[in-house]
Amino acid sequence: MVPSQIKNIFWDVDGVLANLNHAYFNFLTKHPNYRERYEGLKWEQLPEVLPIIPEYGSLELKTHPELGSEMDRDFCADQAFFRDRPLYPGVIETLKRLDAAGFKQFTMSATFDVEAKTAYLNDVLAPVTDFLTIECVQHGAFMHDTAKADSLRECYKKYDLNPEETILVDDRIYNQHAAIDSGAHPVRLRCEFTTELPEELSWIPEFKDLGAVADWLTSPRG
């Protein structure tokens, strides 16, 4: 059941609003540094190339056992691949629906290139930037750092938000902890290749797409 007081939504971008898996597949199979190595790679083989670590729960270039850091740098440095993460179907319509229902909405995206990511988001989300507030935070050296939780806390102060009235919708498992640590309610989106939540987080609501999240948020409150 939806917590009765929810008024604010922070959307993660990759794996929630935008299809990062699409970008990774094209990067591995088309980037000049990797296309020969991954010629013939099939979509369903992505987790074999980028092993999903338990605390992350979804695909990440940095998990490549040999070239993770190099791949991450190359991906961020080439805008043709960096921006090749299309929105999932229905994203714009769903955000407009939730705006009409009275929810305040934000993006919350941790990235290694804040300027490039912000430019991409302003472009791809242009139809909804009249009400959607775009926030990006510089990621630290490790995936389990506190960047996202710290940024959420800053946003609560900046926009005068009550964390108890706020949800973070994210596919990454460690960001469920960020929501909890910041005082917000965690919600998980299960994009393709995501793994199961650990037992201690099994209580977190999970949904297959944004439309399902919107249905849940606009259902009768308890």
C-alpha atoms as a PDB file:
ATOM      1  CA  MET A   1       0.000   0.000   0.000  1.00  0.00           C
ATOM      2  CA  VAL A   2       1.221   3.522  -0.818  1.00  0.00           C
ATOM      3  CA  PRO A   3       2.323   5.562   2.198  1.00  0.00           C
ATOM      4  CA  SER A   4      -0.450   8.122   2.597  1.00  0.00           C
ATOM      5  CA  GLN A   5       1.835  11.153   2.779  1.00  0.00           C
ATOM      6  CA  ILE A   6       3.837  10.804  -0.475  1.00  0.00           C
ATOM      7  CA  LYS A   7       4.058  14.107  -2.342  1.00  0.00           C
ATOM      8  CA  ASN A   8       7.523  14.070  -3.944  1.00  0.00           C
ATOM      9  CA  ILE A   9       9.148  11.701  -6.443  1.00  0.00           C
ATOM     10  CA  PHE A  10      12.855  11.449  -7.201  1.00  0.00           C
ATOM     11  CA  TRP A  11      13.432   9.455 -10.370  1.00  0.00           C
ATOM     12  CA  ASP A  12      16.734   7.788 -11.044  1.00  0.00           C
ATOM     13  CA  VAL A  13      17.569   8.082 -14.738  1.00  0.00           C
ATOM     14  CA  ASP A  14      19.498   5.028 -15.921  1.00  0.00           C
ATOM     15  CA  GLY A  15      17.378   1.907 -15.722  1.00  0.00           C
ATOM     16  CA  VAL A  16      14.296   3.891 -14.678  1.00  0.00           C
ATOM     17  CA  LEU A  17      13.677   6.698 -17.160  1.00  0.00           C
ATOM     18  CA  ALA A  18      16.301   5.762 -19.752  1.00  0.00           C
ATOM     19  CA  ASN A  19      17.534   2.465 -21.181  1.00  0.00           C
ATOM     20  CA  LEU A  20      21.195   2.305 -20.187  1.00  0.00           C
ATOM     21  CA  ASN A  21      21.384  -1.354 -21.232  1.00  0.00           C
ATOM     22  CA  HIS A  22      20.737  -0.223 -24.812  1.00  0.00           C
ATOM     23  CA  ALA A  23      23.662   2.191 -24.559  1.00  0.00           C
ATOM     24  CA  TYR A  24      25.978  -0.460 -23.132  1.00  0.00           C
ATOM     25  CA  PHE A  25      25.149  -2.966 -25.864  1.00  0.00           C
ATOM     26  CA  ASN A  26      25.855  -0.494 -28.649  1.00  0.00           C
ATOM     27  CA  PHE A  27      28.992   0.718 -26.899  1.00  0.00           C
ATOM     28  CA  LEU A  28      30.439  -2.787 -26.604  1.00  0.00           C
ATOM     29  CA  THR A  29      29.555  -3.800 -30.152  1.00  0.00           C
ATOM     30  CA  LYS A  30      30.288  -0.525 -31.986  1.00  0.00           C
ATOM     31  CA  HIS A  31      32.958   1.453 -30.125  1.00  0.00           C
ATOM     32  CA  PRO A  32      36.286   1.178 -32.013  1.00  0.00           C
ATOM     33  CA  ASN A  33      38.103   0.019 -28.879  1.00  0.00           C
ATOM     34  CA  TYR A  34      35.747  -2.910 -28.242  1.00  0.00           C
ATOM     35  CA  ARG A  35      33.766  -3.801 -31.358  1.00  0.00           C
ATOM     36  CA  GLU A  36      36.246  -6.395 -32.568  1.00  0.00           C
ATOM     37  CA  ARG A  37      36.366  -8.052 -29.164  1.00  0.00           C
ATOM     38  CA  TYR A  38      32.557  -8.188 -28.918  1.00  0.00           C
ATOM     39  CA  GLU A  39      31.652  -8.814 -32.524  1.00  0.00           C
ATOM     40  CA  GLY A  40      28.652 -11.122 -32.544  1.00  0.00           C
ATOM     41  CA  LEU A  41      27.662 -10.357 -28.926  1.00  0.00           C
ATOM     42  CA  LYS A  42      23.992 -11.107 -28.313  1.00  0.00           C
ATOM     43  CA  TRP A  43      21.731  -8.943 -26.188  1.00  0.00           C
ATOM     44  CA  GLU A  44      21.087 -11.675 -23.646  1.00  0.00           C
ATOM     45  CA  GLN A  45      24.847 -12.107 -23.147  1.00  0.00           C
ATOM     46  CA  LEU A  46      25.327  -8.658 -21.604  1.00  0.00           C
ATOM     47  CA  PRO A  47      25.431  -9.997 -18.018  1.00  0.00           C
ATOM     48  CA  GLU A  48      28.189 -12.422 -19.054  1.00  0.00           C
ATOM     49  CA  VAL A  49      30.360  -9.492 -20.166  1.00  0.00           C
ATOM     50  CA  LEU A  50      29.340  -7.175 -17.318  1.00  0.00           C
ATOM     51  CA  PRO A  51      28.834  -9.431 -14.277  1.00  0.00           C
ATOM     52  CA  ILE A  52      26.200  -8.036 -11.924  1.00  0.00           C
ATOM     53  CA  ILE A  53      27.574  -7.652  -8.424  1.00  0.00           C
ATOM     54  CA  PRO A  54      25.111  -8.230  -5.554  1.00  0.00           C
ATOM     55  CA  GLU A  55      25.187  -4.731  -4.061  1.00  0.00           C
ATOM     56  CA  TYR A  56      24.540  -3.165  -7.464  1.00  0.00           C
ATOM     57  CA  GLY A  57      21.843  -5.408  -8.861  1.00  0.00           C
ATOM     58  CA  SER A  58      22.046  -4.248 -12.487  1.00  0.00           C
ATOM     59  CA  LEU A  59      24.530  -3.858 -15.347  1.00  0.00           C
ATOM     60  CA  GLU A  60      27.514  -1.563 -14.939  1.00  0.00           C
ATOM     61  CA  LEU A  61      30.587  -1.083 -17.145  1.00  0.00           C
ATOM     62  CA  LYS A  62      32.881  -0.903 -14.132  1.00  0.00           C
ATOM     63  CA  THR A  63      32.130  -4.542 -13.285  1.00  0.00           C
ATOM     64  CA  HIS A  64      33.975  -5.811 -16.354  1.00  0.00           C
ATOM     65  CA  PRO A  65      36.706  -8.003 -14.825  1.00  0.00           C
ATOM     66  CA  GLU A  66      39.558  -6.585 -16.922  1.00  0.00           C
ATOM     67  CA  LEU A  67      38.596  -3.312 -18.572  1.00  0.00           C
ATOM     68  CA  GLY A  68      35.954  -1.796 -16.297  1.00  0.00           C
ATOM     69  CA  SER A  69      37.641   1.524 -15.534  1.00  0.00           C
ATOM     70  CA  GLU A  70      38.829   1.924 -19.121  1.00  0.00           C
ATOM     71  CA  MET A  71      35.365   1.187 -20.503  1.00  0.00           C
ATOM     72  CA  ASP A  72      33.784   3.679 -18.127  1.00  0.00           C
ATOM     73  CA  ARG A  73      36.182   6.427 -19.231  1.00  0.00           C
ATOM     74  CA  ASP A  74      35.668   5.667 -22.931  1.00  0.00           C
ATOM     75  CA  PHE A  75      31.902   5.611 -22.548  1.00  0.00           C
ATOM     76  CA  CYS A  76      31.776   8.972 -20.778  1.00  0.00           C
ATOM     77  CA  ALA A  77      34.223  10.534 -23.240  1.00  0.00           C
ATOM     78  CA  ASP A  78      32.227   9.748 -26.379  1.00  0.00           C
ATOM     79  CA  GLN A  79      28.930  11.644 -26.508  1.00  0.00           C
ATOM     80  CA  ALA A  80      27.601   9.481 -29.335  1.00  0.00           C
ATOM     81  CA  PHE A  81      27.559   6.504 -26.973  1.00  0.00           C
ATOM     82  CA  PHE A  82      27.005   8.432 -23.739  1.00  0.00           C
ATOM     83  CA  ARG A  83      23.742   9.893 -25.055  1.00  0.00           C
ATOM     84  CA  ASP A  84      22.545   6.695 -26.719  1.00  0.00           C
ATOM     85  CA  ARG A  85      20.170   5.794 -23.882  1.00  0.00           C
ATOM     86  CA  PRO A  86      16.621   6.358 -25.131  1.00  0.00           C
ATOM     87  CA  LEU A  87      13.775   6.957 -22.745  1.00  0.00           C
ATOM     88  CA  TYR A  88      11.667   3.917 -22.015  1.00  0.00           C
ATOM     89  CA  PRO A  89       8.216   3.921 -23.674  1.00  0.00           C
ATOM     90  CA  GLY A  90       5.651   6.091 -21.917  1.00  0.00           C
ATOM     91  CA  VAL A  91       8.065   8.068 -19.730  1.00  0.00           C
ATOM     92  CA  ILE A  92       6.958  11.546 -20.834  1.00  0.00           C
ATOM     93  CA  GLU A  93       3.276  10.647 -20.627  1.00  0.00           C
ATOM     94  CA  THR A  94       3.682   9.120 -17.168  1.00  0.00           C
ATOM     95  CA  LEU A  95       5.563  12.112 -15.784  1.00  0.00           C
ATOM     96  CA  LYS A  96       2.831  14.405 -17.123  1.00  0.00           C
ATOM     97  CA  ARG A  97       0.180  12.190 -15.549  1.00  0.00           C
ATOM     98  CA  LEU A  98       1.844  12.385 -12.148  1.00  0.00           C
ATOM     99  CA  ASP A  99       2.327  16.139 -12.468  1.00  0.00           C
ATOM    100  CA  ALA A 100      -1.392  16.484 -13.128  1.00  0.00           C
ATOM    101  CA  ALA A 101      -2.005  14.399 -10.000  1.00  0.00           C
ATOM    102  CA  GLY A 102      -0.062  16.944  -7.938  1.00  0.00           C
ATOM    103  CA  PHE A 103       3.291  15.255  -7.345  1.00  0.00           C
ATOM    104  CA  LYS A 104       6.534  17.247  -7.319  1.00  0.00           C
ATOM    105  CA  GLN A 105       9.076  15.449  -9.498  1.00  0.00           C
ATOM    106  CA  PHE A 106      12.859  15.462  -9.707  1.00  0.00           C
ATOM    107  CA  THR A 107      15.580  13.451 -11.368  1.00  0.00           C
ATOM    108  CA  MET A 108      18.354  12.145  -9.128  1.00  0.00           C
ATOM    109  CA  SER A 109      21.248  10.929 -11.216  1.00  0.00           C
ATOM    110  CA  ALA A 110      24.750  10.103  -9.988  1.00  0.00           C
ATOM    111  CA  THR A 111      27.318  10.397 -12.762  1.00  0.00           C
ATOM    112  CA  PHE A 112      31.023  10.847 -13.426  1.00  0.00           C
ATOM    113  CA  ASP A 113      30.363  13.753 -15.839  1.00  0.00           C
ATOM    114  CA  VAL A 114      27.763  16.083 -14.348  1.00  0.00           C
ATOM    115  CA  GLU A 115      27.923  18.633 -17.161  1.00  0.00           C
ATOM    116  CA  ALA A 116      27.426  16.045 -19.920  1.00  0.00           C
ATOM    117  CA  LYS A 117      24.673  14.208 -18.039  1.00  0.00           C
ATOM    118  CA  THR A 118      22.788  17.413 -17.244  1.00  0.00           C
ATOM    119  CA  ALA A 119      22.927  18.497 -20.894  1.00  0.00           C
ATOM    120  CA  TYR A 120      21.632  15.086 -21.997  1.00  0.00           C
ATOM    121  CA  LEU A 121      18.768  15.204 -19.491  1.00  0.00           C
ATOM    122  CA  ASN A 122      17.718  18.715 -20.442  1.00  0.00           C
ATOM    123  CA  ASP A 123      17.602  17.579 -24.043  1.00  0.00           C
ATOM    124  CA  VAL A 124      15.834  14.235 -23.749  1.00  0.00           C
ATOM    125  CA  LEU A 125      13.408  15.444 -21.042  1.00  0.00           C
ATOM    126  CA  ALA A 126      12.683  18.814 -22.664  1.00  0.00           C
ATOM    127  CA  PRO A 127       8.899  18.154 -22.923  1.00  0.00           C
ATOM    128  CA  VAL A 128       8.597  18.011 -19.116  1.00  0.00           C
ATOM    129  CA  THR A 129      11.252  20.420 -17.802  1.00  0.00           C
ATOM    130  CA  ASP A 130       8.543  22.978 -17.068  1.00  0.00           C
ATOM    131  CA  PHE A 131       7.719  20.929 -13.978  1.00  0.00           C
ATOM    132  CA  LEU A 132      10.520  18.344 -13.659  1.00  0.00           C
ATOM    133  CA  THR A 133      13.560  19.518 -11.687  1.00  0.00           C
ATOM    134  CA  ILE A 134      16.798  17.984 -12.968  1.00  0.00           C
ATOM    135  CA  GLU A 135      19.443  17.178 -10.364  1.00  0.00           C
ATOM    136  CA  CYS A 136      22.780  15.447 -11.023  1.00  0.00           C
ATOM    137  CA  VAL A 137      25.470  14.605  -8.519  1.00  0.00           C
ATOM    138  CA  GLN A 138      29.127  13.779  -8.984  1.00  0.00           C
ATOM    139  CA  HIS A 139      29.700  10.098  -8.284  1.00  0.00           C
ATOM    140  CA  GLY A 140      32.596   9.063  -6.086  1.00  0.00           C
ATOM    141  CA  ALA A 141      35.203   6.421  -6.653  1.00  0.00           C
ATOM    142  CA  PHE A 142      33.045   3.558  -5.397  1.00  0.00           C
ATOM    143  CA  MET A 143      29.513   2.519  -6.228  1.00  0.00           C
ATOM    144  CA  HIS A 144      28.619   2.271  -2.553  1.00  0.00           C
ATOM    145  CA  ASP A 145      29.641   5.833  -1.649  1.00  0.00           C
ATOM    146  CA  THR A 146      27.205   8.336  -0.119  1.00  0.00           C
ATOM    147  CA  ALA A 147      26.877  10.695  -3.099  1.00  0.00           C
ATOM    148  CA  LYS A 148      23.224   9.969  -3.771  1.00  0.00           C
ATOM    149  CA  ALA A 149      22.114  10.001  -0.142  1.00  0.00           C
ATOM    150  CA  ASP A 150      24.006  13.249   0.453  1.00  0.00           C
ATOM    151  CA  SER A 151      22.479  14.812  -2.643  1.00  0.00           C
ATOM    152  CA  LEU A 152      18.983  13.772  -1.584  1.00  0.00           C
ATOM    153  CA  ARG A 153      19.518  15.446   1.789  1.00  0.00           C
ATOM    154  CA  GLU A 154      20.710  18.609   0.050  1.00  0.00           C
ATOM    155  CA  CYS A 155      17.617  18.594  -2.156  1.00  0.00           C
ATOM    156  CA  TYR A 156      15.323  18.245   0.849  1.00  0.00           C
ATOM    157  CA  LYS A 157      16.833  21.474   2.210  1.00  0.00           C
ATOM    158  CA  LYS A 158      17.056  23.261  -1.140  1.00  0.00           C
ATOM    159  CA  TYR A 159      13.430  22.605  -2.116  1.00  0.00           C
ATOM    160  CA  ASP A 160      11.957  22.482   1.405  1.00  0.00           C
ATOM    161  CA  LEU A 161      10.896  18.848   1.130  1.00  0.00           C
ATOM    162  CA  ASN A 162      10.016  16.417   3.881  1.00  0.00           C
ATOM    163  CA  PRO A 163      11.878  13.113   3.284  1.00  0.00           C
ATOM    164  CA  GLU A 164       8.979  11.207   4.831  1.00  0.00           C
ATOM    165  CA  GLU A 165       6.825  12.576   1.993  1.00  0.00           C
ATOM    166  CA  THR A 166       9.342  11.473  -0.641  1.00  0.00           C
ATOM    167  CA  ILE A 167      10.109   8.357  -2.677  1.00  0.00           C
ATOM    168  CA  LEU A 168      13.218   7.483  -4.683  1.00  0.00           C
ATOM    169  CA  VAL A 169      12.518   5.230  -7.670  1.00  0.00           C
ATOM    170  CA  ASP A 170      15.727   3.426  -8.600  1.00  0.00           C
ATOM    171  CA  ASP A 171      16.850   0.096 -10.042  1.00  0.00           C
ATOM    172  CA  ARG A 172      20.185  -0.155  -8.194  1.00  0.00           C
ATOM    173  CA  ILE A 173      20.176  -2.003  -4.909  1.00  0.00           C
ATOM    174  CA  TYR A 174      22.712   0.224  -3.185  1.00  0.00           C
ATOM    175  CA  ASN A 175      20.558   3.251  -3.975  1.00  0.00           C
ATOM    176  CA  GLN A 176      17.680   1.669  -2.082  1.00  0.00           C
ATOM    177  CA  HIS A 177      19.975   2.098   0.919  1.00  0.00           C
ATOM    178  CA  ALA A 178      20.560   5.732  -0.120  1.00  0.00           C
ATOM    179  CA  ALA A 179      16.821   6.388  -0.005  1.00  0.00           C
ATOM    180  CA  ILE A 180      16.487   4.748   3.394  1.00  0.00           C
ATOM    181  CA  ASP A 181      19.554   6.508   4.811  1.00  0.00           C
ATOM    182  CA  SER A 182      18.229   9.884   3.678  1.00  0.00           C
ATOM    183  CA  GLY A 183      14.844   9.276   5.310  1.00  0.00           C
ATOM    184  CA  ALA A 184      12.862   8.691   2.096  1.00  0.00           C
ATOM    185  CA  HIS A 185      10.851   5.688   0.938  1.00  0.00           C
ATOM    186  CA  PRO A 186      12.643   3.333  -1.504  1.00  0.00           C
ATOM    187  CA  VAL A 187      10.898   2.014  -4.612  1.00  0.00           C
ATOM    188  CA  ARG A 188      12.582  -0.291  -7.098  1.00  0.00           C
ATOM    189  CA  LEU A 189      12.070  -0.519 -10.835  1.00  0.00           C
ATOM    190  CA  ARG A 190      12.967  -3.890 -12.334  1.00  0.00           C
ATOM    191  CA  CYS A 191      14.495  -3.111 -15.698  1.00  0.00           C
ATOM    192  CA  GLU A 192      15.924  -5.932 -17.775  1.00  0.00           C
ATOM    193  CA  PHE A 193      18.863  -7.809 -16.199  1.00  0.00           C
ATOM    194  CA  THR A 194      18.178  -6.595 -12.653  1.00  0.00           C
ATOM    195  CA  THR A 195      18.709  -9.161  -9.912  1.00  0.00           C
ATOM    196  CA  GLU A 196      16.554  -9.942  -6.887  1.00  0.00           C
ATOM    197  CA  LEU A 197      16.663  -7.765  -3.791  1.00  0.00           C
ATOM    198  CA  PRO A 198      18.532  -9.188  -0.808  1.00  0.00           C
ATOM    199  CA  GLU A 199      16.345 -10.653   1.900  1.00  0.00           C
ATOM    200  CA  GLU A 200      16.732  -7.659   4.212  1.00  0.00           C
ATOM    201  CA  LEU A 201      15.304  -5.369   1.509  1.00  0.00           C
ATOM    202  CA  SER A 202      12.585  -7.700   0.234  1.00  0.00           C
ATOM    203  CA  TRP A 203       9.895  -5.414   1.687  1.00  0.00           C
ATOM    204  CA  ILE A 204      10.645  -2.695  -0.898  1.00  0.00           C
ATOM    205  CA  PRO A 205       7.903  -2.287  -3.556  1.00  0.00           C
ATOM    206  CA  GLU A 206       9.077  -3.362  -7.028  1.00  0.00           C
ATOM    207  CA  PHE A 207       7.537  -2.488 -10.396  1.00  0.00           C
ATOM    208  CA  LYS A 208       8.211  -3.413 -14.005  1.00  0.00           C
ATOM    209  CA  ASP A 209       7.678   0.036 -15.563  1.00  0.00           C
ATOM    210  CA  LEU A 210       6.805   3.656 -14.812  1.00  0.00           C
ATOM    211  CA  GLY A 211       3.138   3.133 -15.631  1.00  0.00           C
ATOM    212  CA  ALA A 212       2.904   0.587 -12.820  1.00  0.00           C
ATOM    213  CA  VAL A 213       4.570   3.040 -10.421  1.00  0.00           C
ATOM    214  CA  ALA A 214       2.055   5.719 -11.420  1.00  0.00           C
ATOM    215  CA  ASP A 215      -0.854   3.308 -10.930  1.00  0.00           C
ATOM    216  CA  TRP A 216       0.457   2.528  -7.454  1.00  0.00           C
ATOM    217  CA  LEU A 217       0.950   6.177  -6.517  1.00  0.00           C
ATOM    218  CA  THR A 218      -2.525   7.186  -7.650  1.00  0.00           C
ATOM    219  CA  SER A 219      -4.286   4.216  -6.015  1.00  0.00           C
ATOM    220  CA  PRO A 220      -6.323   4.709  -2.826  1.00  0.00           C
ATOM    221  CA  ARG A 221      -4.036   5.645   0.070  1.00  0.00           C
ATOM    222  CA  GLY A 222      -3.806   3.827   3.373  1.00  0.00           C
END
